[in-house]
Amino acid sequence: MTTHGSQHNARHAGDVLPGPATKAWSSRYAPVTWRIRIRGHMGADWADWFGGLDLAWDNEREHTVLHGPLPDQAALYGVLLRVRDLGLELVAVSSEAAFAPSSRDEDATRSA
């Protein structure tokens, strides 16, 4: 099929199309800080495999804890896929506050 006078840009999986929804999402939500627990000990040299997340050892539970901000859900799933691909045992995944209140939300809180 030939298109005349129009441009066709190939999109790849994972490309984000710019637009109002993208701007609304990025202005309303900040990167989320995640804590991912894996059974067993991993050395700090593994940090590069996990997008630069910090690695810490939890002596009490004998878990490695990956901790740090990820820009979006796709990045989180990428880390979780890496855990799976390495055959590691995922123990828990938790996030810190994901919602960054807008100025409108802050105004409503002050007036309440």
N, C-alpha and C. Protein backbone atom coordinates (compact mmCIF):
# COMPACT_ATOMS: atom_id res chain seq x y z
N MET A 1 0.85 -1.17 0.00
CA MET A 1 0.00 0.00 0.00
C MET A 1 0.89 1.24 0.00
N THR A 2 0.58 2.17 -0.82
CA THR A 2 1.36 3.40 -0.93
C THR A 2 0.56 4.54 -0.36
N THR A 3 1.24 5.35 0.46
CA THR A 3 0.57 6.54 0.98
C THR A 3 1.23 7.75 0.34
N HIS A 4 0.43 8.64 -0.13
CA HIS A 4 0.94 9.83 -0.79
C HIS A 4 0.82 11.03 0.13
N GLY A 5 1.91 11.77 0.26
CA GLY A 5 1.87 13.02 1.02
C GLY A 5 1.79 12.84 2.52
N SER A 6 1.96 11.65 3.03
CA SER A 6 1.92 11.47 4.48
C SER A 6 3.18 10.76 4.93
N GLN A 7 3.53 11.00 6.14
CA GLN A 7 4.71 10.34 6.70
C GLN A 7 4.26 9.18 7.57
N HIS A 8 5.02 8.10 7.52
CA HIS A 8 4.72 6.95 8.35
C HIS A 8 5.92 6.71 9.26
N ASN A 9 5.73 6.84 10.53
CA ASN A 9 6.80 6.60 11.50
C ASN A 9 6.55 5.26 12.17
N ALA A 10 7.53 4.40 12.09
CA ALA A 10 7.40 3.11 12.76
C ALA A 10 7.51 3.32 14.26
N ARG A 11 6.65 2.67 15.00
CA ARG A 11 6.69 2.72 16.46
C ARG A 11 7.17 1.39 16.97
N HIS A 12 7.92 1.42 18.03
CA HIS A 12 8.41 0.22 18.65
C HIS A 12 7.65 -0.02 19.94
N ALA A 13 7.59 -1.28 20.36
CA ALA A 13 6.95 -1.61 21.63
C ALA A 13 7.63 -0.81 22.73
N GLY A 14 6.84 -0.20 23.58
CA GLY A 14 7.39 0.57 24.69
C GLY A 14 7.53 2.05 24.40
N ASP A 15 7.35 2.47 23.13
CA ASP A 15 7.39 3.89 22.82
C ASP A 15 6.20 4.57 23.48
N VAL A 16 6.41 5.74 24.00
CA VAL A 16 5.33 6.51 24.59
C VAL A 16 4.94 7.60 23.63
N LEU A 17 3.69 7.65 23.30
CA LEU A 17 3.21 8.69 22.40
C LEU A 17 2.99 9.97 23.21
N PRO A 18 3.55 11.08 22.78
CA PRO A 18 3.34 12.32 23.51
C PRO A 18 1.90 12.77 23.36
N GLY A 19 1.40 13.40 24.37
CA GLY A 19 0.04 13.90 24.30
C GLY A 19 -0.46 14.26 25.68
N PRO A 20 -1.72 14.68 25.77
CA PRO A 20 -2.27 15.13 27.03
C PRO A 20 -2.21 14.07 28.13
N ALA A 21 -2.46 12.82 27.79
CA ALA A 21 -2.45 11.77 28.81
C ALA A 21 -1.06 11.61 29.39
N THR A 22 -0.02 11.63 28.56
CA THR A 22 1.35 11.50 29.02
C THR A 22 1.72 12.67 29.92
N LYS A 23 1.36 13.89 29.52
CA LYS A 23 1.69 15.07 30.32
C LYS A 23 0.94 15.03 31.65
N ALA A 24 -0.32 14.64 31.64
CA ALA A 24 -1.09 14.56 32.88
C ALA A 24 -0.47 13.53 33.81
N TRP A 25 -0.06 12.38 33.27
CA TRP A 25 0.54 11.33 34.10
C TRP A 25 1.85 11.82 34.72
N SER A 26 2.74 12.40 33.89
CA SER A 26 4.06 12.78 34.39
C SER A 26 3.98 13.95 35.36
N SER A 27 3.01 14.83 35.22
CA SER A 27 2.92 15.96 36.13
C SER A 27 2.22 15.57 37.43
N ARG A 28 1.46 14.50 37.42
CA ARG A 28 0.71 14.12 38.61
C ARG A 28 1.40 13.02 39.41
N TYR A 29 2.20 12.21 38.76
CA TYR A 29 2.86 11.10 39.43
C TYR A 29 4.37 11.24 39.34
N ALA A 30 5.01 11.07 40.47
CA ALA A 30 6.46 11.11 40.54
C ALA A 30 6.98 9.69 40.41
N PRO A 31 8.27 9.51 40.11
CA PRO A 31 8.82 8.15 40.13
C PRO A 31 8.55 7.52 41.49
N VAL A 32 8.25 6.27 41.48
CA VAL A 32 7.91 5.54 42.71
C VAL A 32 9.15 4.84 43.24
N THR A 33 9.34 4.89 44.54
CA THR A 33 10.43 4.17 45.18
C THR A 33 9.92 2.78 45.55
N TRP A 34 10.64 1.77 45.09
CA TRP A 34 10.24 0.38 45.28
C TRP A 34 11.21 -0.34 46.20
N ARG A 35 10.70 -1.33 46.91
CA ARG A 35 11.50 -2.22 47.75
C ARG A 35 11.15 -3.64 47.30
N ILE A 36 12.14 -4.34 46.75
CA ILE A 36 11.94 -5.68 46.21
C ILE A 36 12.81 -6.64 47.01
N ARG A 37 12.18 -7.62 47.64
CA ARG A 37 12.92 -8.58 48.47
C ARG A 37 13.13 -9.88 47.71
N ILE A 38 14.39 -10.36 47.76
CA ILE A 38 14.76 -11.60 47.08
C ILE A 38 15.42 -12.51 48.11
N ARG A 39 15.06 -13.79 48.11
CA ARG A 39 15.65 -14.72 49.06
C ARG A 39 17.12 -14.96 48.69
N GLY A 40 17.98 -14.90 49.71
CA GLY A 40 19.40 -15.16 49.51
C GLY A 40 20.22 -13.89 49.42
N HIS A 41 21.52 -14.08 49.36
CA HIS A 41 22.46 -12.95 49.37
C HIS A 41 22.98 -12.67 47.96
N MET A 42 22.93 -11.42 47.58
CA MET A 42 23.51 -10.96 46.32
C MET A 42 24.49 -9.84 46.65
N GLY A 43 25.65 -9.87 46.05
CA GLY A 43 26.64 -8.83 46.26
C GLY A 43 26.26 -7.54 45.57
N ALA A 44 26.90 -6.45 46.00
CA ALA A 44 26.61 -5.12 45.45
C ALA A 44 26.92 -5.03 43.96
N ASP A 45 27.78 -5.93 43.45
CA ASP A 45 28.13 -5.90 42.03
C ASP A 45 26.94 -6.25 41.13
N TRP A 46 25.85 -6.74 41.70
CA TRP A 46 24.65 -7.05 40.93
C TRP A 46 23.79 -5.81 40.66
N ALA A 47 24.10 -4.68 41.28
CA ALA A 47 23.26 -3.48 41.15
C ALA A 47 23.06 -3.07 39.69
N ASP A 48 24.10 -3.19 38.86
CA ASP A 48 23.97 -2.82 37.45
C ASP A 48 22.93 -3.66 36.72
N TRP A 49 22.72 -4.87 37.17
CA TRP A 49 21.73 -5.75 36.54
C TRP A 49 20.30 -5.30 36.84
N PHE A 50 20.15 -4.46 37.85
CA PHE A 50 18.82 -4.06 38.29
C PHE A 50 18.61 -2.56 38.19
N GLY A 51 19.04 -1.99 37.09
CA GLY A 51 18.76 -0.59 36.80
C GLY A 51 19.35 0.39 37.80
N GLY A 52 20.41 0.00 38.49
CA GLY A 52 21.03 0.91 39.44
C GLY A 52 20.33 0.98 40.79
N LEU A 53 19.37 0.09 41.05
CA LEU A 53 18.74 0.06 42.36
C LEU A 53 19.80 -0.29 43.41
N ASP A 54 19.64 0.24 44.60
CA ASP A 54 20.56 -0.08 45.69
C ASP A 54 20.29 -1.50 46.17
N LEU A 55 21.33 -2.22 46.52
CA LEU A 55 21.20 -3.56 47.09
C LEU A 55 21.64 -3.52 48.54
N ALA A 56 20.85 -4.11 49.41
CA ALA A 56 21.18 -4.18 50.83
C ALA A 56 20.87 -5.59 51.32
N TRP A 57 21.58 -6.01 52.34
CA TRP A 57 21.39 -7.35 52.91
C TRP A 57 20.62 -7.22 54.21
N ASP A 58 19.53 -7.97 54.33
CA ASP A 58 18.72 -8.02 55.54
C ASP A 58 19.11 -9.29 56.29
N ASN A 59 19.98 -9.15 57.32
CA ASN A 59 20.47 -10.30 58.08
C ASN A 59 19.35 -11.08 58.76
N GLU A 60 18.40 -10.35 59.31
CA GLU A 60 17.32 -10.99 60.08
C GLU A 60 16.50 -11.95 59.22
N ARG A 61 16.19 -11.54 58.00
CA ARG A 61 15.34 -12.37 57.14
C ARG A 61 16.13 -13.14 56.08
N GLU A 62 17.43 -12.85 55.99
CA GLU A 62 18.29 -13.47 54.98
C GLU A 62 17.78 -13.21 53.56
N HIS A 63 17.46 -11.93 53.32
CA HIS A 63 17.00 -11.47 52.01
C HIS A 63 17.93 -10.39 51.49
N THR A 64 18.02 -10.31 50.18
CA THR A 64 18.62 -9.15 49.54
C THR A 64 17.47 -8.20 49.25
N VAL A 65 17.67 -6.93 49.53
CA VAL A 65 16.63 -5.92 49.28
C VAL A 65 17.12 -4.98 48.19
N LEU A 66 16.37 -4.94 47.09
CA LEU A 66 16.61 -3.95 46.02
C LEU A 66 15.75 -2.75 46.37
N HIS A 67 16.34 -1.56 46.36
CA HIS A 67 15.59 -0.39 46.79
C HIS A 67 15.96 0.81 45.94
N GLY A 68 14.94 1.56 45.53
CA GLY A 68 15.21 2.79 44.80
C GLY A 68 14.04 3.17 43.90
N PRO A 69 14.14 4.35 43.28
CA PRO A 69 13.06 4.83 42.42
C PRO A 69 13.11 4.20 41.03
N LEU A 70 11.92 3.95 40.50
CA LEU A 70 11.77 3.51 39.12
C LEU A 70 10.79 4.46 38.46
N PRO A 71 11.03 4.84 37.21
CA PRO A 71 10.22 5.88 36.58
C PRO A 71 8.78 5.49 36.28
N ASP A 72 8.52 4.19 36.09
CA ASP A 72 7.17 3.79 35.73
C ASP A 72 6.98 2.28 35.91
N GLN A 73 5.78 1.80 35.63
CA GLN A 73 5.47 0.38 35.76
C GLN A 73 6.29 -0.48 34.82
N ALA A 74 6.59 0.03 33.64
CA ALA A 74 7.39 -0.74 32.69
C ALA A 74 8.77 -1.04 33.26
N ALA A 75 9.36 -0.07 33.94
CA ALA A 75 10.67 -0.28 34.56
C ALA A 75 10.58 -1.31 35.68
N LEU A 76 9.50 -1.25 36.47
CA LEU A 76 9.30 -2.24 37.52
C LEU A 76 9.20 -3.64 36.94
N TYR A 77 8.39 -3.79 35.90
CA TYR A 77 8.25 -5.10 35.26
C TYR A 77 9.57 -5.58 34.68
N GLY A 78 10.39 -4.66 34.17
CA GLY A 78 11.70 -5.03 33.67
C GLY A 78 12.58 -5.62 34.77
N VAL A 79 12.55 -5.02 35.95
CA VAL A 79 13.32 -5.54 37.08
C VAL A 79 12.77 -6.90 37.50
N LEU A 80 11.45 -7.03 37.56
CA LEU A 80 10.85 -8.30 37.96
C LEU A 80 11.14 -9.41 36.95
N LEU A 81 11.17 -9.07 35.68
CA LEU A 81 11.54 -10.06 34.66
C LEU A 81 12.99 -10.50 34.82
N ARG A 82 13.85 -9.56 35.17
CA ARG A 82 15.26 -9.90 35.39
C ARG A 82 15.39 -10.86 36.58
N VAL A 83 14.63 -10.61 37.64
CA VAL A 83 14.62 -11.51 38.81
C VAL A 83 14.22 -12.91 38.36
N ARG A 84 13.16 -12.99 37.58
CA ARG A 84 12.69 -14.28 37.07
C ARG A 84 13.72 -14.95 36.19
N ASP A 85 14.28 -14.19 35.25
CA ASP A 85 15.24 -14.75 34.30
C ASP A 85 16.50 -15.29 34.98
N LEU A 86 16.88 -14.69 36.11
CA LEU A 86 18.04 -15.15 36.86
C LEU A 86 17.71 -16.31 37.79
N GLY A 87 16.43 -16.70 37.84
CA GLY A 87 16.02 -17.83 38.68
C GLY A 87 16.03 -17.50 40.16
N LEU A 88 15.88 -16.22 40.50
CA LEU A 88 15.88 -15.80 41.89
C LEU A 88 14.49 -15.95 42.48
N GLU A 89 14.42 -16.16 43.79
CA GLU A 89 13.12 -16.31 44.45
C GLU A 89 12.64 -14.95 44.94
N LEU A 90 11.56 -14.46 44.35
CA LEU A 90 10.96 -13.19 44.73
C LEU A 90 10.16 -13.41 46.00
N VAL A 91 10.43 -12.60 47.03
CA VAL A 91 9.75 -12.74 48.31
C VAL A 91 8.65 -11.69 48.46
N ALA A 92 8.95 -10.43 48.13
CA ALA A 92 7.96 -9.36 48.31
C ALA A 92 8.31 -8.17 47.43
N VAL A 93 7.28 -7.43 47.05
CA VAL A 93 7.43 -6.18 46.31
C VAL A 93 6.53 -5.16 46.99
N SER A 94 7.09 -4.01 47.35
CA SER A 94 6.27 -2.96 47.97
C SER A 94 6.75 -1.60 47.47
N SER A 95 5.84 -0.64 47.53
CA SER A 95 6.18 0.71 47.07
C SER A 95 5.93 1.71 48.17
N GLU A 96 6.63 2.84 48.06
CA GLU A 96 6.36 3.96 48.94
C GLU A 96 5.32 4.82 48.25
N ALA A 97 4.92 5.93 48.83
CA ALA A 97 3.84 6.76 48.30
C ALA A 97 4.01 7.00 46.81
N ALA A 98 3.03 6.56 46.03
CA ALA A 98 3.09 6.66 44.58
C ALA A 98 2.40 7.92 44.07
N PHE A 99 1.54 8.50 44.85
CA PHE A 99 0.75 9.63 44.38
C PHE A 99 1.37 10.93 44.84
N ALA A 100 1.72 11.76 43.91
CA ALA A 100 2.22 13.10 44.23
C ALA A 100 1.05 14.06 44.08
N PRO A 101 0.54 14.58 45.18
CA PRO A 101 -0.66 15.42 45.09
C PRO A 101 -0.43 16.66 44.24
N SER A 102 -1.44 16.99 43.48
CA SER A 102 -1.36 18.21 42.67
C SER A 102 -1.63 19.41 43.57
N SER A 103 -1.37 20.59 43.08
CA SER A 103 -1.61 21.79 43.88
C SER A 103 -3.10 21.92 44.20
N ARG A 104 -3.97 21.45 43.32
CA ARG A 104 -5.41 21.49 43.56
C ARG A 104 -5.76 20.61 44.76
N ASP A 105 -5.12 19.42 44.85
CA ASP A 105 -5.36 18.52 45.98
C ASP A 105 -4.87 19.14 47.27
N GLU A 106 -3.72 19.83 47.23
CA GLU A 106 -3.17 20.47 48.43
C GLU A 106 -4.09 21.59 48.90
N ASP A 107 -4.67 22.37 47.95
CA ASP A 107 -5.60 23.44 48.30
C ASP A 107 -6.84 22.88 48.98
N ALA A 108 -7.33 21.74 48.48
CA ALA A 108 -8.51 21.12 49.08
C ALA A 108 -8.20 20.64 50.49
N THR A 109 -7.00 20.13 50.72
CA THR A 109 -6.61 19.65 52.04
C THR A 109 -6.52 20.82 53.02
N ARG A 110 -5.96 21.95 52.57
CA ARG A 110 -5.83 23.12 53.45
C ARG A 110 -7.19 23.69 53.85
N SER A 111 -8.15 23.68 52.93
CA SER A 111 -9.45 24.27 53.22
C SER A 111 -10.35 23.36 54.04
N ALA A 112 -9.99 22.09 54.14
CA ALA A 112 -10.83 21.14 54.90
C ALA A 112 -10.66 21.31 56.39
